[in-house]
Protein backbone atom coordinates (compact mmCIF):
# COMPACT_ATOMS: atom_id res chain seq x y z
CA MET A 1 0.10 0.14 0.04
CA LEU A 2 1.17 3.62 -0.69
CA ILE A 3 1.83 5.87 1.95
CA LYS A 4 -0.73 8.37 1.23
CA GLU A 5 -3.29 5.28 1.25
CA LYS A 6 -2.18 4.12 4.17
CA LEU A 7 -2.58 7.57 5.63
CA ASN A 8 -6.18 7.46 4.48
CA SER A 9 -6.85 3.89 5.33
CA GLY A 10 -8.36 4.81 8.73
CA LEU A 11 -4.90 4.25 10.56
CA LYS A 12 -5.29 5.50 14.27
CA LEU A 13 -3.15 8.56 14.61
CA SER A 14 -2.74 10.92 17.53
CA PRO A 15 -3.05 14.85 16.88
CA SER A 16 0.69 15.11 16.78
CA GLU A 17 1.05 12.37 14.30
CA ARG A 18 -1.95 13.51 12.15
CA GLN A 19 -0.12 16.74 11.78
CA LEU A 20 2.71 14.90 10.34
CA ALA A 21 0.56 13.06 8.10
CA ASP A 22 -1.16 16.48 6.94
CA TYR A 23 2.28 17.81 6.28
CA ILE A 24 3.28 15.10 4.24
CA PHE A 25 0.02 15.29 2.23
CA GLU A 26 0.58 19.19 1.57
CA TYR A 27 4.25 19.34 1.52
CA PRO A 28 5.85 16.11 0.61
CA ASP A 29 9.13 17.64 -1.13
CA ARG A 30 9.70 19.78 1.90
CA PHE A 31 9.39 16.87 4.02
CA LEU A 32 12.02 14.87 2.14
CA LYS A 33 14.52 17.75 2.65
CA MET A 34 14.06 17.78 6.56
CA SER A 35 15.89 15.93 9.21
CA ILE A 36 14.13 14.62 12.38
CA PRO A 37 15.55 17.85 14.38
CA GLU A 38 14.23 20.05 11.54
CA VAL A 39 10.82 18.23 11.17
CA SER A 40 10.24 18.37 15.07
CA LYS A 41 11.30 22.01 15.12
CA GLN A 42 8.87 22.99 12.04
CA LEU A 43 5.87 21.24 13.64
CA TYR A 44 6.15 21.35 17.09
CA VAL A 45 6.18 17.68 17.54
CA SER A 46 8.73 15.52 19.57
CA LYS A 47 11.50 13.36 17.74
CA SER A 48 9.98 10.34 19.49
CA THR A 49 6.58 11.11 17.68
CA ILE A 50 8.20 11.24 14.34
CA ILE A 51 9.70 7.93 14.71
CA ARG A 52 6.61 6.39 16.24
CA PHE A 53 4.65 7.73 13.11
CA ALA A 54 7.11 6.17 10.63
CA LYS A 55 6.88 2.82 12.40
CA LYS A 56 3.13 2.93 12.31
CA LEU A 57 3.57 3.20 8.57
CA GLY A 58 5.31 -0.17 8.63
CA PHE A 59 8.72 1.62 8.37
CA LEU A 60 11.92 1.10 10.69
CA GLY A 61 12.19 4.70 11.15
CA HIS A 62 12.13 8.33 9.42
CA LYS A 63 15.06 7.55 6.87
CA GLU A 64 13.11 4.43 5.47
CA LEU A 65 9.85 6.46 5.20
CA CYS A 66 11.68 9.20 3.31
CA LEU A 67 13.22 6.68 0.96
CA THR A 68 9.88 5.23 0.04
CA LEU A 69 8.12 8.64 -0.32
CA ALA A 70 10.87 9.61 -2.97
CA LYS A 71 10.35 6.60 -4.78
CA GLU A 72 6.81 7.18 -5.04
CA LEU A 73 7.11 10.75 -5.89
CA SER A 74 9.45 9.93 -8.53
CA LEU A 75 7.15 7.46 -10.14
CA GLU A 76 4.28 9.81 -9.91
CA ALA A 77 6.22 12.55 -11.49
CA GLU A 78 7.43 10.09 -14.77
CA ASN A 79 3.98 8.57 -14.96
CA PRO A 80 0.80 9.29 -13.10
CA ALA A 81 -0.50 5.94 -13.79
CA ALA A 82 2.65 4.25 -12.71
CA LEU A 83 1.47 4.05 -9.14
CA ASP A 84 -1.72 2.76 -9.91
CA GLN A 85 0.02 -0.12 -11.58
CA MET A 86 1.94 -0.89 -8.70
CA GLN A 87 -1.21 -1.93 -6.59
CA PRO A 88 -2.16 -5.60 -7.39
CA ILE A 89 -6.03 -5.00 -6.69
CA SER A 90 -8.11 -1.80 -6.32
CA GLY A 91 -7.92 -0.41 -2.57
CA GLN A 92 -11.74 -0.56 -2.55
CA ILE A 93 -11.75 -4.44 -2.41
CA ARG A 94 -11.96 -6.22 0.72
CA ALA A 95 -10.79 -9.40 1.72
CA GLU A 96 -14.05 -11.14 1.73
CA SER A 97 -14.56 -10.15 -1.69
CA VAL A 98 -11.35 -10.99 -3.27
CA VAL A 99 -12.50 -14.53 -4.50
CA HIS A 100 -15.72 -12.85 -6.22
CA GLU A 101 -13.31 -10.20 -7.68
CA LEU A 102 -10.81 -12.30 -9.23
CA LEU A 103 -13.35 -14.81 -10.45
CA LYS A 104 -15.16 -11.73 -12.34
CA LEU A 105 -11.86 -10.38 -13.58
CA TYR A 106 -10.73 -13.87 -15.18
CA ASN A 107 -14.16 -13.95 -16.62
CA GLN A 108 -14.31 -10.81 -18.23
CA VAL A 109 -10.58 -11.16 -19.32
CA LEU A 110 -11.20 -14.65 -20.98
CA LEU A 111 -14.54 -14.27 -22.52
CA ARG A 112 -13.54 -10.83 -24.20
CA TYR A 113 -10.25 -12.13 -25.59
CA CYS A 114 -11.83 -15.37 -26.90
CA VAL A 115 -13.89 -13.08 -29.07
CA GLN A 116 -10.68 -11.98 -30.83
CA LEU A 117 -8.56 -15.14 -30.42
CA ASP A 118 -6.67 -16.10 -33.73
CA ILE A 119 -6.66 -19.70 -33.35
CA GLN A 120 -5.03 -20.21 -36.93
CA GLN A 121 -2.04 -17.87 -35.92
CA LEU A 122 -1.76 -19.93 -32.46
CA SER A 123 -1.83 -23.33 -34.31
CA ARG A 124 0.75 -22.11 -36.89
CA ILE A 125 2.94 -20.98 -33.99
CA ALA A 126 2.44 -24.54 -32.33
CA ASP A 127 3.79 -26.10 -35.26
CA MET A 128 6.66 -24.06 -35.66
CA ILE A 129 7.36 -24.64 -32.21
CA ALA A 130 6.84 -28.38 -32.58
CA GLU A 131 9.15 -28.77 -35.84
CA ARG A 132 12.27 -26.81 -34.61
CA LYS A 133 15.32 -28.15 -32.82
CA ARG A 134 15.26 -25.91 -29.99
CA VAL A 135 13.02 -23.51 -28.52
CA ILE A 136 14.54 -20.17 -26.72
CA LEU A 137 12.55 -18.57 -24.22
CA PHE A 138 12.76 -14.89 -23.07
CA GLY A 139 10.57 -13.54 -20.35
CA ILE A 140 11.19 -9.52 -20.15
CA SER A 141 10.65 -8.21 -16.57
CA ASP A 142 7.98 -9.64 -14.69
CA SER A 143 7.25 -12.16 -17.53
CA LEU A 144 10.15 -14.33 -16.56
CA MET A 145 8.21 -16.59 -14.31
CA ILE A 146 5.44 -17.34 -16.94
CA ALA A 147 8.25 -18.27 -19.25
CA ALA A 148 9.72 -20.66 -16.82
CA ASP A 149 6.26 -22.32 -16.34
CA PHE A 150 6.15 -22.60 -20.00
CA GLN A 151 9.58 -24.13 -20.40
CA TYR A 152 8.69 -26.79 -18.08
CA LYS A 153 5.79 -27.74 -19.74
CA LEU A 154 7.49 -27.97 -23.01
CA MET A 155 10.09 -29.99 -21.41
CA GLU A 156 7.51 -32.56 -20.10
CA ILE A 157 6.64 -33.29 -23.61
CA GLY A 158 10.17 -33.66 -25.01
CA ILE A 159 10.80 -30.21 -26.36
CA ASP A 160 14.49 -28.92 -25.84
CA ALA A 161 13.20 -25.41 -24.17
CA VAL A 162 16.13 -22.95 -22.92
CA LEU A 163 15.41 -19.87 -20.70
CA PRO A 164 18.31 -17.54 -20.37
CA ILE A 165 17.48 -14.85 -17.46
CA VAL A 166 19.12 -11.92 -19.36
CA PRO A 167 20.42 -11.55 -23.15
CA ASN A 168 24.16 -11.07 -21.83
CA ILE A 169 24.17 -14.46 -19.83
CA PHE A 170 22.98 -15.75 -22.84
CA ARG A 171 25.78 -14.97 -24.88
CA LYS A 172 28.26 -15.77 -22.20
CA GLN A 173 26.97 -19.30 -22.11
CA GLY A 174 27.96 -19.96 -25.52
CA PHE A 175 24.67 -21.31 -27.34
CA ASN A 176 25.05 -21.15 -30.77
CA ILE A 177 21.69 -19.62 -32.10
CA GLY A 178 20.87 -20.68 -35.79
CA ARG A 179 18.25 -20.98 -38.11
CA ASP A 180 16.93 -24.27 -36.59
CA ASP A 181 16.03 -22.39 -33.32
CA ILE A 182 12.83 -20.58 -32.67
CA ALA A 183 12.68 -17.90 -29.98
CA LEU A 184 9.44 -16.84 -27.88
CA ILE A 185 9.90 -13.61 -26.50
CA ILE A 186 7.01 -12.55 -23.64
CA SER A 187 6.91 -8.81 -22.98
CA LEU A 188 4.11 -7.30 -20.94
CA LYS A 189 5.55 -4.34 -19.34
CA GLY A 190 9.27 -5.26 -19.87
CA ASP A 191 12.36 -2.97 -20.68
CA TYR A 192 12.18 -1.74 -24.13
CA HIS A 193 15.87 -1.83 -24.28
CA ASP A 194 16.19 -5.40 -23.33
CA LEU A 195 13.66 -6.23 -26.10
CA LEU A 196 15.43 -4.42 -28.71
CA ASP A 197 18.85 -6.27 -27.60
CA ILE A 198 17.30 -9.64 -27.79
CA THR A 199 15.70 -9.07 -31.28
CA SER A 200 18.56 -7.56 -32.69
CA MET A 201 20.90 -10.41 -31.42
CA LEU A 202 18.35 -13.35 -32.68
CA HIS A 203 17.84 -11.46 -35.95
CA LYS A 204 21.53 -11.44 -36.89
CA ARG A 205 21.67 -15.31 -36.01
CA GLY A 206 18.99 -16.05 -38.54
CA CYS A 207 16.36 -17.18 -35.52
CA THR A 208 12.86 -17.24 -36.13
CA ILE A 209 11.27 -14.87 -33.55
CA ILE A 210 7.72 -15.05 -31.81
CA LEU A 211 6.79 -11.96 -29.71
CA MET A 212 3.97 -11.86 -27.28
CA GLN A 213 3.40 -8.30 -25.76
CA ASP A 214 0.55 -6.18 -24.53
CA SER A 215 -0.48 -4.43 -27.59
CA GLN A 216 -0.62 -1.12 -25.58
CA ASP A 217 3.21 -1.29 -25.12
CA GLU A 218 3.80 -1.74 -28.89
CA LYS A 219 7.00 0.06 -29.62
CA PRO A 220 8.41 0.78 -33.25
CA GLY A 221 11.53 -1.11 -34.29
CA VAL A 222 10.76 -4.51 -32.89
CA SER A 223 9.81 -6.87 -35.48
CA ALA A 224 8.92 -10.70 -35.20
CA GLU A 225 7.76 -13.62 -37.67
CA GLU A 226 4.70 -13.71 -35.45
CA LEU A 227 3.25 -11.12 -33.20
CA VAL A 228 0.70 -11.98 -30.51
CA ASN A 229 -0.99 -8.76 -29.20
CA ILE A 230 -2.46 -9.30 -25.57
CA GLU A 231 -5.22 -6.92 -24.92
CA CYS A 232 -6.57 -5.94 -21.54
CA SER A 233 -7.39 -2.24 -22.33
CA GLU A 234 -10.68 -2.37 -20.72
CA VAL A 235 -9.20 -3.61 -17.43
CA GLY A 236 -8.68 -0.89 -14.79
CA LEU A 237 -4.95 -0.12 -14.19
CA SER A 238 -5.06 -1.51 -10.50
CA MET A 239 -5.95 -4.86 -12.06
CA ARG A 240 -4.29 -5.04 -15.28
CA THR A 241 -1.14 -6.92 -14.01
CA ILE A 242 -3.16 -9.91 -12.93
CA ALA A 243 -5.30 -9.41 -15.91
CA ASN A 244 -2.29 -9.60 -18.31
CA ARG A 245 -0.70 -12.87 -16.48
CA THR A 246 -3.93 -14.59 -16.59
CA LEU A 247 -4.57 -13.88 -20.27
CA VAL A 248 -0.94 -14.80 -21.27
CA SER A 249 -0.78 -18.02 -19.36
CA PHE A 250 -4.39 -18.83 -21.09
CA VAL A 251 -3.04 -18.20 -24.51
CA LEU A 252 0.41 -20.25 -23.62
CA ASP A 253 -1.89 -23.06 -22.37
CA ILE A 254 -3.69 -23.17 -25.62
CA MET A 255 -0.26 -23.16 -27.46
CA TYR A 256 0.76 -25.98 -25.14
CA LEU A 257 -1.98 -28.20 -26.20
CA LEU A 258 -1.95 -27.61 -29.77
CA ILE A 259 1.89 -28.41 -29.72
CA TYR A 260 0.95 -31.71 -27.79
CA LEU A 261 -1.80 -32.67 -30.12
CA GLY A 262 0.37 -32.21 -33.16
CA LEU A 263 3.27 -34.14 -31.39
CA GLU A 264 0.68 -37.02 -30.70
CA ASP A 265 -0.37 -37.13 -34.14
CA HIS A 266 2.93 -37.99 -35.28
CA LEU A 267 3.69 -40.80 -32.80
CA PRO A 268 4.09 -44.14 -34.39
CA GLU A 269 1.22 -46.17 -33.80
CA ASN A 270 1.61 -49.76 -31.68
């Protein structure tokens, strides 16, 4: 929970602590520049009150409170929507309604995407993966765990799947990337520069590239033989991270089943 949300969440504060909270709301930049003695002198509160206030917010002390506040202010200045995206769910959702809200979100995301699902494209990608010598998976930023799960599934059905953590490590490991390989890159809100580095490296080696990305994060200059856009534009920012992961996992599961069925068709009959 963000600092300002914590202060608005019904936290029990003494009059002196409430004075500190009001000052942070109104003058956050000034508060960051002040030491404990300066805050004490400016607001006529004791030093122990300042430390106690920071601990009520879940911090070890004044210094940790200021570091977190500075980070939140920096994010807000760069992108006002970024702070909303840091929150996994809306602050209005209570614990007793979490299951209902998640089920509603899954239903909304999957049903809407199924309408625009290009099963022919996914079948084509599945055939490409099944036919290649090796699959190289890249999970950009928070997509790494999704890529790791897909790697495990591919290996279960006998497909050689490799998951380098970052491009530089991949180079140092000495893999010879070639035209027999296929790369699947998952990038929902990843680092664009990493994405450019990866695609540039793979293109030079003649590797076939499949890119899965949030269509809202689409950037010019990144090319792929197959581009799968993941669309969650109608979901609120506070739930978009969960929605994106749900949708990508759903699409990858479809591809996994298509790959499995394709391999099964080529198995020799007993």
